[in-house]
Amino acid sequence: MNIQPGEAHPARWWHALEDRRIQCDLCPRDCKLHEGQRGACFVRAMHQGQMVLTTYGRSSGFCIDPIEKKPLYNFHPGSSVLSFGTAGCNLACKFCQNWDISKSREMDTLMDAASPAAIAATAQHYGSRSVAFTYNDPVIFAEYAMDTADACHAYGIQTVAVTAGYIHPQPAREFFAKMDAANIDLKAFSDEFYVKLCGARLQPVLDTLSYVRHHTDCWLEITTLLIPGQNDTEDELTALARWIAKELGPDVPLHFSAFHPDYKLLGTQATPAVTLARARRIAMDAGLNYVYTGNVHDQEGDTTYCPCCHKPVIVRDWYEILDYRLDASGHCPCCGHAIAGRFAKFGKPFGARRIPVRMAASN
């Protein structure tokens, strides 16, 4: 497979094998590549005996979103985030909701180009508090994301990773050291689900979640997409929530999101709203303090409640903040309890807008 000179950015986390192949050490797939061959993610390849990243500096598009769309509900609520992704993915989820990007094998989908410095400058220009690496998994373009994070931090802009967390421990240490917040998908709580529907394993994701929670300063939230008949039984949801409460702590927010038929699961029904409401009750009964629902209209499931006095402190309707009652340090006005998260002085919320940005036009 031809790799153009502009696509051959030096990559990290690999080693040479005795048979003249190289092995990628970024994620648990451990792809072993011949010259000119790409890994399962499609964007990391062997070129002239080295590992290269073919999507460095190239994006499928940039957009300014509400931070709640990531979803992050306890990380600077109401702020805007400059979001972008590239192409490819290191998982093979049959239910992928962004499959046109994550499963793309056409590099011409990467319509926009920007250096890390240009991205940081654009975020500052538009007043975004953070930059999110999203749409496809930033693990596979880690070098680009990490360099961009350094550029953003020089401007005082924070960075967000939206990821499946399928990454080896050493690159995870380096990657999450650069991130201020992460939403990590916990796609199910069974290895069978991961193997059959994602082409992956569960344990590496659990290891990543534990590492981020206990060994970094990165704010963590979790999303589980509920698929009818696949990962929505009471027993599995109870086990998932109890694991989070015990291993990560009750203050890690959990988002249950509704599935809609897509990609290779077109014959599966959309997730009923009652399923998400039931999952939310199960997780709260297991001891989690911040449990949300997504992709459905559910104001109760969108709202942040104080776990001490149970009063609503951030009332949302979809991505709109209707009422914000916390002080600048994130304390409940009724009982003074500190709400878990990252908060600052609250101004005018960004709202539910979505603003496409062309980097060539903004720099």
Protein backbone atom coordinates (compact mmCIF):
# COMPACT_ATOMS: atom_id res chain seq x y z
CA MET A 1 0.00 0.00 0.00
CA ASN A 2 1.46 3.36 -1.02
CA ILE A 3 2.26 5.87 1.72
CA GLN A 4 2.85 9.41 0.56
CA PRO A 5 5.73 11.41 2.07
CA GLY A 6 3.33 13.81 3.80
CA GLU A 7 1.64 10.89 5.54
CA ALA A 8 4.83 9.49 7.08
CA HIS A 9 5.05 11.21 10.46
CA PRO A 10 7.34 9.29 12.86
CA ALA A 11 5.33 7.26 15.36
CA ARG A 12 6.14 6.06 18.85
CA TRP A 13 5.58 2.79 20.72
CA TRP A 14 6.90 0.07 18.42
CA HIS A 15 9.83 -2.29 18.12
CA ALA A 16 11.55 -4.26 15.37
CA LEU A 17 11.12 -8.02 15.06
CA GLU A 18 13.75 -10.52 13.95
CA ASP A 19 11.84 -11.35 10.75
CA ARG A 20 12.12 -7.74 9.49
CA ARG A 21 8.59 -6.88 10.55
CA ILE A 22 7.81 -4.34 13.24
CA GLN A 23 5.31 -4.63 16.10
CA CYS A 24 3.09 -1.78 17.20
CA ASP A 25 3.12 -1.42 21.00
CA LEU A 26 0.39 1.21 21.26
CA CYS A 27 -2.66 -0.98 21.89
CA PRO A 28 -3.41 -4.59 22.83
CA ARG A 29 -3.85 -5.58 19.19
CA ASP A 30 -0.04 -5.75 18.92
CA CYS A 31 -0.15 -5.52 15.11
CA LYS A 32 2.87 -7.03 13.37
CA LEU A 33 3.53 -5.33 10.07
CA HIS A 34 5.52 -5.90 6.90
CA GLU A 35 6.92 -3.01 4.87
CA GLY A 36 4.05 -0.93 3.46
CA GLN A 37 1.43 -2.67 5.60
CA ARG A 38 -1.03 -0.78 7.82
CA GLY A 39 -2.28 -1.90 11.22
CA ALA A 40 -5.86 -2.76 12.12
CA CYS A 41 -6.45 0.92 12.88
CA PHE A 42 -5.45 1.66 9.26
CA VAL A 43 -3.49 4.81 10.17
CA ARG A 44 -0.31 3.36 11.69
CA ALA A 45 1.97 1.70 9.17
CA MET A 46 5.46 0.39 8.43
CA HIS A 47 7.29 2.74 6.08
CA GLN A 48 11.00 2.35 5.24
CA GLY A 49 11.49 0.09 8.23
CA GLN A 50 9.87 2.50 10.71
CA MET A 51 6.45 2.96 12.28
CA VAL A 52 4.66 6.05 10.97
CA LEU A 53 1.37 7.82 11.69
CA THR A 54 -0.34 8.64 8.39
CA THR A 55 -2.95 11.09 9.75
CA TYR A 56 -0.76 13.53 11.67
CA GLY A 57 -1.98 17.07 11.03
CA ARG A 58 -5.02 15.96 9.05
CA SER A 59 -8.63 15.91 10.21
CA SER A 60 -12.08 14.83 9.13
CA GLY A 61 -13.31 18.24 10.27
CA PHE A 62 -13.42 20.75 13.12
CA CYS A 63 -16.48 21.89 15.03
CA ILE A 64 -17.25 23.90 18.16
CA ASP A 65 -19.61 21.96 20.43
CA PRO A 66 -21.02 22.24 23.94
CA ILE A 67 -18.82 20.27 26.35
CA GLU A 68 -21.96 18.32 27.35
CA LYS A 69 -21.95 16.68 23.92
CA LYS A 70 -18.73 14.73 24.59
CA PRO A 71 -20.45 13.86 27.01
CA LEU A 72 -18.84 15.62 29.98
CA TYR A 73 -21.34 16.96 32.51
CA ASN A 74 -19.08 17.64 35.51
CA PHE A 75 -16.23 19.30 33.57
CA HIS A 76 -16.73 23.05 33.13
CA PRO A 77 -20.47 22.79 32.35
CA GLY A 78 -21.77 25.23 29.78
CA SER A 79 -18.39 25.79 28.13
CA SER A 80 -17.56 25.32 24.47
CA VAL A 81 -15.04 22.84 23.10
CA LEU A 82 -13.26 22.76 19.74
CA SER A 83 -13.69 19.17 18.55
CA PHE A 84 -11.94 17.19 15.84
CA GLY A 85 -10.98 13.68 14.79
CA THR A 86 -9.04 11.97 12.04
CA ALA A 87 -9.86 8.57 10.48
CA GLY A 88 -9.61 4.94 11.52
CA CYS A 89 -10.06 3.07 14.80
CA ASN A 90 -8.37 0.24 16.68
CA LEU A 91 -11.68 -1.41 17.58
CA ALA A 92 -14.14 -3.06 15.22
CA CYS A 93 -17.48 -2.26 16.85
CA LYS A 94 -20.40 -3.55 14.82
CA PHE A 95 -22.60 -0.83 16.30
CA CYS A 96 -20.28 2.13 15.63
CA GLN A 97 -22.27 5.38 15.46
CA ASN A 98 -19.42 7.23 13.69
CA TRP A 99 -18.48 4.41 11.31
CA ASP A 100 -18.14 6.73 8.30
CA ILE A 101 -15.14 8.29 10.06
CA SER A 102 -13.78 5.54 12.28
CA LYS A 103 -13.99 2.87 9.57
CA SER A 104 -12.90 5.11 6.74
CA ARG A 105 -10.28 3.66 4.40
CA GLU A 106 -10.24 6.74 2.21
CA MET A 107 -7.72 9.36 3.16
CA ASP A 108 -9.65 11.94 1.15
CA THR A 109 -12.13 12.03 4.05
CA LEU A 110 -9.44 14.04 5.83
CA MET A 111 -10.54 17.33 4.34
CA ASP A 112 -9.01 19.76 6.83
CA ALA A 113 -5.40 20.17 7.90
CA ALA A 114 -3.91 21.99 10.86
CA SER A 115 -0.79 22.00 12.96
CA PRO A 116 -1.07 21.65 16.75
CA ALA A 117 -0.24 25.34 17.10
CA ALA A 118 -2.97 26.33 14.64
CA ILE A 119 -5.55 24.26 16.54
CA ALA A 120 -4.63 25.91 19.84
CA ALA A 121 -4.78 29.37 18.28
CA THR A 122 -8.18 28.62 16.76
CA ALA A 123 -9.57 27.45 20.09
CA GLN A 124 -8.35 30.67 21.69
CA HIS A 125 -9.82 32.76 18.86
CA TYR A 126 -13.28 31.22 19.35
CA GLY A 127 -13.14 31.38 23.13
CA SER A 128 -13.25 27.62 23.66
CA ARG A 129 -12.13 26.49 27.09
CA SER A 130 -10.95 23.14 25.74
CA VAL A 131 -10.07 21.09 22.68
CA ALA A 132 -11.51 17.57 22.29
CA PHE A 133 -9.99 14.67 20.40
CA THR A 134 -13.13 12.80 19.35
CA TYR A 135 -15.28 11.41 16.49
CA ASN A 136 -12.78 8.57 16.11
CA ASP A 137 -10.44 7.28 18.82
CA PRO A 138 -7.53 9.61 19.66
CA VAL A 139 -5.47 6.68 20.91
CA ILE A 140 -4.59 5.86 17.30
CA PHE A 141 -3.42 9.43 16.59
CA ALA A 142 -1.83 9.85 20.01
CA GLU A 143 1.27 11.69 18.76
CA TYR A 144 -0.88 14.34 17.06
CA ALA A 145 -3.20 14.63 20.07
CA MET A 146 -0.32 14.91 22.55
CA ASP A 147 1.49 17.58 20.53
CA THR A 148 -1.79 19.48 20.23
CA ALA A 149 -2.32 19.18 23.98
CA ASP A 150 1.10 20.77 24.59
CA ALA A 151 0.21 23.63 22.23
CA CYS A 152 -3.17 24.12 23.92
CA HIS A 153 -1.70 24.16 27.42
CA ALA A 154 0.64 26.97 26.35
CA TYR A 155 -2.52 29.04 25.75
CA GLY A 156 -4.17 27.91 28.98
CA ILE A 157 -6.62 25.76 27.00
CA GLN A 158 -7.51 22.33 28.35
CA THR A 159 -7.75 19.06 26.43
CA VAL A 160 -10.29 16.26 26.34
CA ALA A 161 -9.96 12.68 25.09
CA VAL A 162 -13.08 10.79 24.02
CA THR A 163 -11.83 7.23 23.75
CA ALA A 164 -12.55 3.53 24.15
CA GLY A 165 -9.48 3.28 26.37
CA TYR A 166 -7.97 0.39 24.40
CA ILE A 167 -4.32 1.18 24.97
CA HIS A 168 -1.24 -0.44 26.52
CA PRO A 169 -0.08 0.80 29.96
CA GLN A 170 3.09 2.65 28.90
CA PRO A 171 1.54 4.76 26.13
CA ALA A 172 -1.47 5.28 28.42
CA ARG A 173 0.80 6.88 31.02
CA GLU A 174 2.21 9.28 28.44
CA PHE A 175 -1.09 9.99 26.70
CA PHE A 176 -3.30 10.68 29.72
CA ALA A 177 -0.59 12.82 31.33
CA LYS A 178 -1.42 15.35 28.59
CA MET A 179 -5.23 15.19 29.04
CA ASP A 180 -7.28 17.32 31.42
CA ALA A 181 -10.45 15.24 31.01
CA ALA A 182 -11.53 12.01 29.38
CA ASN A 183 -14.76 10.27 28.59
CA ILE A 184 -13.95 6.59 28.26
CA ASP A 185 -16.40 4.12 26.75
CA LEU A 186 -17.15 1.09 28.89
CA LYS A 187 -19.05 -0.63 26.14
CA ALA A 188 -20.29 -3.54 28.24
CA PHE A 189 -19.31 -5.53 31.29
CA SER A 190 -18.64 -8.86 29.61
CA ASP A 191 -15.63 -10.07 27.71
CA GLU A 192 -17.96 -11.94 25.35
CA PHE A 193 -19.52 -8.65 24.22
CA TYR A 194 -16.12 -7.09 23.57
CA VAL A 195 -14.90 -10.11 21.60
CA LYS A 196 -18.03 -10.62 19.47
CA LEU A 197 -19.12 -7.03 18.88
CA CYS A 198 -15.89 -5.00 19.22
CA GLY A 199 -13.07 -7.36 18.24
CA ALA A 200 -11.37 -6.53 21.55
CA ARG A 201 -11.18 -7.57 25.21
CA LEU A 202 -12.69 -6.06 28.34
CA GLN A 203 -9.77 -6.18 30.79
CA PRO A 204 -7.50 -3.64 29.05
CA VAL A 205 -10.35 -1.11 29.22
CA LEU A 206 -10.87 -1.75 32.92
CA ASP A 207 -7.14 -1.33 33.45
CA THR A 208 -7.18 2.00 31.63
CA LEU A 209 -10.15 3.23 33.66
CA SER A 210 -8.42 2.31 36.93
CA TYR A 211 -5.17 3.93 35.85
CA VAL A 212 -6.78 7.22 34.79
CA ARG A 213 -8.86 7.41 37.95
CA HIS A 214 -6.14 6.61 40.47
CA HIS A 215 -2.86 7.69 38.88
CA THR A 216 -3.57 10.86 36.89
CA ASP A 217 -5.09 14.30 37.39
CA CYS A 218 -7.33 13.74 34.36
CA TRP A 219 -11.04 14.19 35.14
CA LEU A 220 -12.88 10.97 34.21
CA GLU A 221 -16.42 10.28 33.03
CA ILE A 222 -17.72 7.03 31.52
CA THR A 223 -20.22 6.28 28.76
CA THR A 224 -22.04 2.99 28.16
CA LEU A 225 -24.13 2.71 25.00
CA LEU A 226 -27.04 0.42 25.84
CA ILE A 227 -27.95 -1.98 23.03
CA PRO A 228 -31.19 -3.94 23.45
CA GLY A 229 -30.52 -7.63 24.03
CA GLN A 230 -26.74 -7.19 24.10
CA ASN A 231 -25.61 -5.39 27.26
CA ASP A 232 -28.76 -4.17 29.03
CA THR A 233 -29.69 -6.95 31.48
CA GLU A 234 -30.22 -6.04 35.11
CA ASP A 235 -27.43 -8.39 36.20
CA GLU A 236 -24.86 -6.89 33.83
CA LEU A 237 -25.81 -3.30 34.61
CA THR A 238 -25.66 -4.02 38.34
CA ALA A 239 -22.22 -5.62 37.99
CA LEU A 240 -20.97 -2.70 35.87
CA ALA A 241 -22.19 -0.06 38.33
CA ARG A 242 -20.89 -1.93 41.38
CA TRP A 243 -17.47 -2.27 39.75
CA ILE A 244 -17.34 1.47 39.10
CA ALA A 245 -18.44 2.28 42.65
CA LYS A 246 -15.90 -0.10 44.21
CA GLU A 247 -12.90 0.28 41.89
CA LEU A 248 -13.24 3.91 40.76
CA GLY A 249 -15.42 5.47 43.43
CA PRO A 250 -18.99 6.77 43.55
CA ASP A 251 -18.14 10.23 42.19
CA VAL A 252 -17.16 9.12 38.66
CA PRO A 253 -20.06 10.18 36.43
CA LEU A 254 -21.66 7.45 34.30
CA HIS A 255 -23.62 8.21 31.12
CA PHE A 256 -26.05 5.65 29.72
CA SER A 257 -26.61 6.46 26.06
CA ALA A 258 -29.31 5.24 23.68
CA PHE A 259 -28.34 3.12 20.68
CA HIS A 260 -29.84 3.72 17.26
CA PRO A 261 -29.60 1.15 14.44
CA ASP A 262 -26.38 1.75 12.50
CA TYR A 263 -23.46 0.16 10.66
CA LYS A 264 -23.71 -3.65 11.09
CA LEU A 265 -26.56 -3.68 13.63
CA LEU A 266 -29.27 -2.19 11.44
CA GLY A 267 -31.67 -4.94 12.47
CA THR A 268 -31.46 -4.10 16.19
CA GLN A 269 -34.14 -1.86 17.66
CA ALA A 270 -33.31 1.54 19.12
CA THR A 271 -32.94 1.70 22.88
CA PRO A 272 -36.25 2.58 24.57
CA ALA A 273 -36.15 5.51 26.98
CA VAL A 274 -37.45 3.25 29.76
CA THR A 275 -34.32 1.10 29.42
CA LEU A 276 -32.09 4.09 30.11
CA ALA A 277 -34.23 5.19 33.05
CA ARG A 278 -34.03 1.66 34.48
CA ALA A 279 -30.25 1.57 34.02
CA ARG A 280 -29.94 4.93 35.77
CA ARG A 281 -31.91 3.66 38.77
CA ILE A 282 -29.78 0.50 38.95
CA ALA A 283 -26.55 2.51 38.90
CA MET A 284 -27.77 4.95 41.55
CA ASP A 285 -28.93 2.05 43.73
CA ALA A 286 -25.39 0.65 43.38
CA GLY A 287 -24.07 3.83 44.96
CA LEU A 288 -23.08 6.07 42.03
CA ASN A 289 -23.69 9.76 42.68
CA TYR A 290 -23.82 11.12 39.13
CA VAL A 291 -25.70 9.02 36.57
CA TYR A 292 -26.98 10.53 33.33
CA THR A 293 -28.94 9.45 30.27
CA GLY A 294 -28.16 10.49 26.71
CA ASN A 295 -29.59 10.45 23.18
CA VAL A 296 -33.11 10.64 24.64
CA HIS A 297 -35.20 13.52 25.98
CA ASP A 298 -34.98 13.06 29.73
CA GLN A 299 -34.56 16.23 31.78
CA GLU A 300 -34.20 14.28 35.03
CA GLY A 301 -31.46 12.17 33.47
CA ASP A 302 -29.73 15.31 32.15
CA THR A 303 -29.70 17.07 35.53
CA THR A 304 -26.90 17.04 38.10
CA TYR A 305 -28.14 16.51 41.66
CA CYS A 306 -26.29 17.10 44.89
CA PRO A 307 -25.54 13.65 46.37
CA CYS A 308 -25.85 15.07 49.88
CA CYS A 309 -29.15 17.00 49.91
CA HIS A 310 -30.42 15.67 46.53
CA LYS A 311 -31.35 19.14 45.25
CA PRO A 312 -30.82 19.87 41.55
CA VAL A 313 -27.69 21.98 41.08
CA ILE A 314 -27.37 21.97 37.26
CA VAL A 315 -30.66 21.61 35.38
CA ARG A 316 -30.30 20.63 31.71
CA ASP A 317 -32.58 19.96 28.80
CA TRP A 318 -30.52 18.11 26.20
CA TYR A 319 -27.37 20.28 25.91
CA GLU A 320 -29.03 23.44 27.21
CA ILE A 321 -28.37 24.51 30.80
CA LEU A 322 -31.63 25.87 32.20
CA ASP A 323 -30.44 26.56 35.74
CA TYR A 324 -26.95 26.63 37.26
CA ARG A 325 -26.72 26.93 41.04
CA LEU A 326 -23.13 26.05 41.96
CA ASP A 327 -20.63 28.61 43.17
CA ALA A 328 -17.31 29.07 41.37
CA SER A 329 -15.68 26.24 43.32
CA GLY A 330 -18.53 23.82 42.63
CA HIS A 331 -20.34 23.75 45.97
CA CYS A 332 -24.06 23.14 46.44
CA PRO A 333 -25.84 26.35 47.52
CA CYS A 334 -28.25 24.43 49.72
CA CYS A 335 -25.93 22.31 51.87
CA GLY A 336 -22.42 23.36 50.90
CA HIS A 337 -21.42 19.91 49.61
CA ALA A 338 -18.60 19.93 47.05
CA ILE A 339 -19.86 18.52 43.75
CA ALA A 340 -17.27 16.26 42.12
CA GLY A 341 -15.83 17.72 38.94
CA ARG A 342 -13.96 20.68 37.51
CA PHE A 343 -15.72 24.01 37.90
CA ALA A 344 -15.02 27.73 37.54
CA LYS A 345 -17.00 30.95 37.58
CA PHE A 346 -20.11 30.34 35.49
CA GLY A 347 -20.91 32.76 32.70
CA LYS A 348 -23.26 32.63 29.77
CA PRO A 349 -23.63 28.98 28.68
CA PHE A 350 -22.61 28.09 25.14
CA GLY A 351 -25.89 26.23 24.60
CA ALA A 352 -26.73 23.50 22.10
CA ARG A 353 -25.12 25.17 19.09
CA ARG A 354 -22.80 23.37 16.71
CA ILE A 355 -20.45 25.61 14.75
CA PRO A 356 -18.39 24.05 11.93
CA VAL A 357 -14.90 25.56 11.58
CA ARG A 358 -12.64 25.45 8.54
CA MET A 359 -9.08 25.72 9.78
CA ALA A 360 -7.80 27.22 6.53
CA ALA A 361 -10.32 30.01 6.91
CA SER A 362 -9.72 30.61 10.61
CA ASN A 363 -5.94 30.95 10.52
